[in-house]
């Protein structure tokens, strides 16, 4: 179940970052919001996802 949750979260983060890039290129977002969303995705990827994975024993 955890593996499925991690895969779904990964796919959602990738889609968010692609949409973020498209919105930046189209001019809807400015660069500040672009980097804020990238930072939020990075925090989730580096701090939340390893905790979901758990300790390797």
Protein backbone atom coordinates (compact mmCIF):
# COMPACT_ATOMS: atom_id res chain seq x y z
CA UNK A 1 0.00 0.00 0.00
CA UNK A 2 2.84 2.38 0.81
CA UNK A 3 4.47 1.68 -2.55
CA UNK A 4 1.27 2.63 -4.34
CA UNK A 5 1.00 5.83 -2.31
CA UNK A 6 4.60 6.76 -3.13
CA UNK A 7 4.05 6.10 -6.84
CA UNK A 8 0.87 8.17 -6.91
CA UNK A 9 2.55 11.02 -5.01
CA UNK A 10 5.49 10.91 -7.43
CA UNK A 11 3.23 11.09 -10.47
CA UNK A 12 1.26 13.97 -8.94
CA UNK A 13 4.47 15.91 -8.20
CA UNK A 14 5.70 15.40 -11.76
CA UNK A 15 2.38 16.59 -13.18
CA UNK A 16 2.42 19.63 -10.89
CA UNK A 17 5.93 20.56 -12.03
CA UNK A 18 5.08 20.11 -15.72
CA UNK A 19 1.93 22.23 -15.32
CA UNK A 20 3.98 24.78 -13.43
CA UNK A 21 6.46 25.01 -16.29
CA UNK A 22 3.69 25.33 -18.87
CA UNK A 23 2.04 28.11 -16.87
CA UNK A 24 5.36 29.93 -16.57
CA UNK A 25 6.04 29.71 -20.30
CA UNK A 26 2.51 30.85 -21.17
CA UNK A 27 2.90 33.88 -18.92
CA UNK A 28 0.19 33.03 -16.39
CA UNK A 29 2.71 32.54 -13.55
CA UNK A 30 5.65 34.79 -12.83
CA UNK A 31 9.02 33.38 -11.87
CA UNK A 32 8.43 33.86 -8.12
CA UNK A 33 5.47 31.47 -8.06
CA UNK A 34 7.39 29.08 -10.29
CA UNK A 35 10.24 28.81 -7.79
CA UNK A 36 7.91 28.64 -4.80
CA UNK A 37 6.10 25.65 -6.27
CA UNK A 38 9.42 24.01 -7.21
CA UNK A 39 10.62 24.48 -3.61
CA UNK A 40 7.44 22.95 -2.21
CA UNK A 41 7.83 19.94 -4.51
CA UNK A 42 11.47 19.59 -3.44
CA UNK A 43 10.54 19.63 0.25
CA UNK A 44 7.94 16.96 -0.33
CA UNK A 45 10.40 14.86 -2.35
CA UNK A 46 13.27 15.10 0.13
CA UNK A 47 11.49 15.08 3.49
CA UNK A 48 8.01 13.57 3.15
CA UNK A 49 8.60 10.73 0.71
CA UNK A 50 11.47 9.08 2.67
CA UNK A 51 9.28 9.11 5.79
CA UNK A 52 6.55 7.35 3.81
CA UNK A 53 9.06 4.75 2.73
CA UNK A 54 10.08 3.96 6.29
CA UNK A 55 13.27 2.49 7.63
CA UNK A 56 15.03 -0.22 5.68
CA UNK A 57 15.66 -3.23 7.84
